[in-house]
Amino acid sequence: MRKIRKGDQVVVIAGRDKGKRGLVERVLENDHLMVAGVNQAKRHTRPNPLKNEPGGILLKEMPIHVSNVAIWNASAQKADRVGIRFEGEGANKRKVRFFKSNNEALGG
């Protein structure tokens, strides 16, 4: 079970965009994430009149490593670590993610 999933609110804890928050749009297979509004690079593109695309400098989101982000705990208003525990008994037993600071379960 991954500790950070698609749709989670995360905060960048290292690098150029330190302190920025955003939603995880995609989880890549090599421990990288695509986070909205974080780690943007400029892409110089040529115009393509056949596809009716203008040229110019576009902002493109790049992947960021999972070690450089932490999940955002909305109730504590700070970045937090995630743990995994089992809840339920017998056939209803399932893995649940929780915040380490206050033992509160994550939604989803």
Protein backbone atom coordinates (compact mmCIF):
# COMPACT_ATOMS: atom_id res chain seq x y z
CA MET A 1 0.00 0.00 0.00
CA ARG A 2 1.37 3.39 -0.98
CA LYS A 3 1.50 6.07 1.67
CA ILE A 4 0.74 8.85 -0.83
CA ARG A 5 -1.98 8.33 -3.41
CA LYS A 6 -3.72 10.18 -6.22
CA GLY A 7 -5.98 12.91 -4.85
CA ASP A 8 -3.98 13.51 -1.64
CA GLN A 9 -3.09 17.06 -0.61
CA VAL A 10 0.70 17.29 -0.23
CA VAL A 11 3.23 19.98 0.70
CA VAL A 12 6.75 20.20 -0.75
CA ILE A 13 9.38 19.88 2.00
CA ALA A 14 12.58 20.18 -0.09
CA GLY A 15 13.76 21.89 -3.24
CA ARG A 16 12.93 24.99 -5.23
CA ASP A 17 9.18 24.84 -4.50
CA LYS A 18 9.52 24.26 -0.74
CA GLY A 19 6.31 25.20 1.09
CA LYS A 20 3.97 24.92 -1.91
CA ARG A 21 0.86 22.76 -1.59
CA GLY A 22 -1.00 20.87 -4.30
CA LEU A 23 -3.07 17.82 -5.17
CA VAL A 24 -1.41 14.64 -6.43
CA GLU A 25 -2.59 14.19 -10.02
CA ARG A 26 -0.68 11.01 -10.84
CA VAL A 27 1.61 8.51 -9.13
CA LEU A 28 4.38 7.24 -11.42
CA GLU A 29 6.00 3.82 -11.12
CA ASN A 30 9.49 5.12 -10.24
CA ASP A 31 8.55 6.79 -6.88
CA HIS A 32 7.71 10.10 -8.56
CA LEU A 33 4.50 12.13 -8.34
CA MET A 34 2.81 14.69 -10.56
CA VAL A 35 1.58 17.47 -8.25
CA ALA A 36 -0.59 20.33 -9.53
CA GLY A 37 1.23 23.66 -9.60
CA VAL A 38 4.54 22.28 -8.33
CA ASN A 39 7.90 21.75 -10.10
CA GLN A 40 7.00 23.58 -13.29
CA ALA A 41 9.48 23.89 -16.16
CA LYS A 42 9.39 26.17 -19.18
CA ARG A 43 8.93 24.45 -22.53
CA HIS A 44 9.72 26.36 -25.72
CA THR A 45 7.37 25.19 -28.49
CA ARG A 46 7.18 26.01 -32.18
CA PRO A 47 3.83 26.94 -33.69
CA ASN A 48 2.06 24.21 -35.66
CA PRO A 49 -0.46 25.76 -38.09
CA LEU A 50 -1.77 22.36 -39.19
CA LYS A 51 -2.97 21.58 -35.65
CA ASN A 52 -3.81 25.25 -34.98
CA GLU A 53 -1.35 25.36 -32.05
CA PRO A 54 0.37 28.64 -31.19
CA GLY A 55 4.03 28.70 -30.33
CA GLY A 56 5.68 30.26 -27.31
CA ILE A 57 6.87 29.43 -23.84
CA LEU A 58 4.57 27.05 -21.98
CA LEU A 59 4.71 25.96 -18.34
CA LYS A 60 4.87 22.19 -18.02
CA GLU A 61 4.59 20.25 -14.74
CA MET A 62 7.43 17.85 -14.10
CA PRO A 63 7.54 14.85 -11.74
CA ILE A 64 8.78 15.30 -8.18
CA HIS A 65 10.22 12.53 -6.01
CA VAL A 66 8.01 11.19 -3.25
CA SER A 67 10.71 11.86 -0.64
CA ASN A 68 10.46 15.60 -1.32
CA VAL A 69 6.79 15.85 -0.34
CA ALA A 70 4.80 15.21 2.83
CA ILE A 71 1.07 14.69 3.18
CA TRP A 72 -0.90 17.71 4.47
CA ASN A 73 -2.83 17.23 7.71
CA ALA A 74 -5.77 19.65 7.44
CA SER A 75 -6.84 19.29 11.08
CA ALA A 76 -3.35 20.08 12.43
CA GLN A 77 -2.54 22.55 9.60
CA LYS A 78 0.93 21.09 9.03
CA ALA A 79 2.85 18.47 7.05
CA ASP A 80 2.64 15.01 8.58
CA ARG A 81 3.94 11.47 8.27
CA VAL A 82 1.73 8.53 7.30
CA GLY A 83 1.46 5.14 8.96
CA ILE A 84 -0.45 2.00 7.98
CA ARG A 85 -2.45 -0.14 10.39
CA PHE A 86 -5.01 -2.93 10.21
CA GLU A 87 -8.62 -2.29 11.27
CA GLY A 88 -11.46 -4.75 11.67
CA GLU A 89 -11.61 -8.43 12.46
CA GLY A 90 -11.59 -11.57 10.31
CA ALA A 91 -13.01 -11.01 6.83
CA ASN A 92 -13.51 -7.28 7.48
CA LYS A 93 -9.80 -6.73 8.21
CA ARG A 94 -8.32 -4.00 6.01
CA LYS A 95 -5.32 -1.66 5.80
CA VAL A 96 -5.94 1.97 6.75
CA ARG A 97 -3.62 4.96 6.43
CA PHE A 98 -3.36 7.31 9.40
CA PHE A 99 -1.56 10.47 10.45
CA LYS A 100 1.33 9.78 12.83
CA SER A 101 0.85 13.00 14.86
CA ASN A 102 -2.76 12.47 15.97
CA ASN A 103 -3.62 8.86 14.94
CA GLU A 104 -6.46 10.20 12.76
CA ALA A 105 -7.41 8.01 9.78
CA LEU A 106 -7.03 9.43 6.27
CA GLY A 107 -10.06 9.54 4.03
CA GLY A 108 -9.99 7.38 0.92
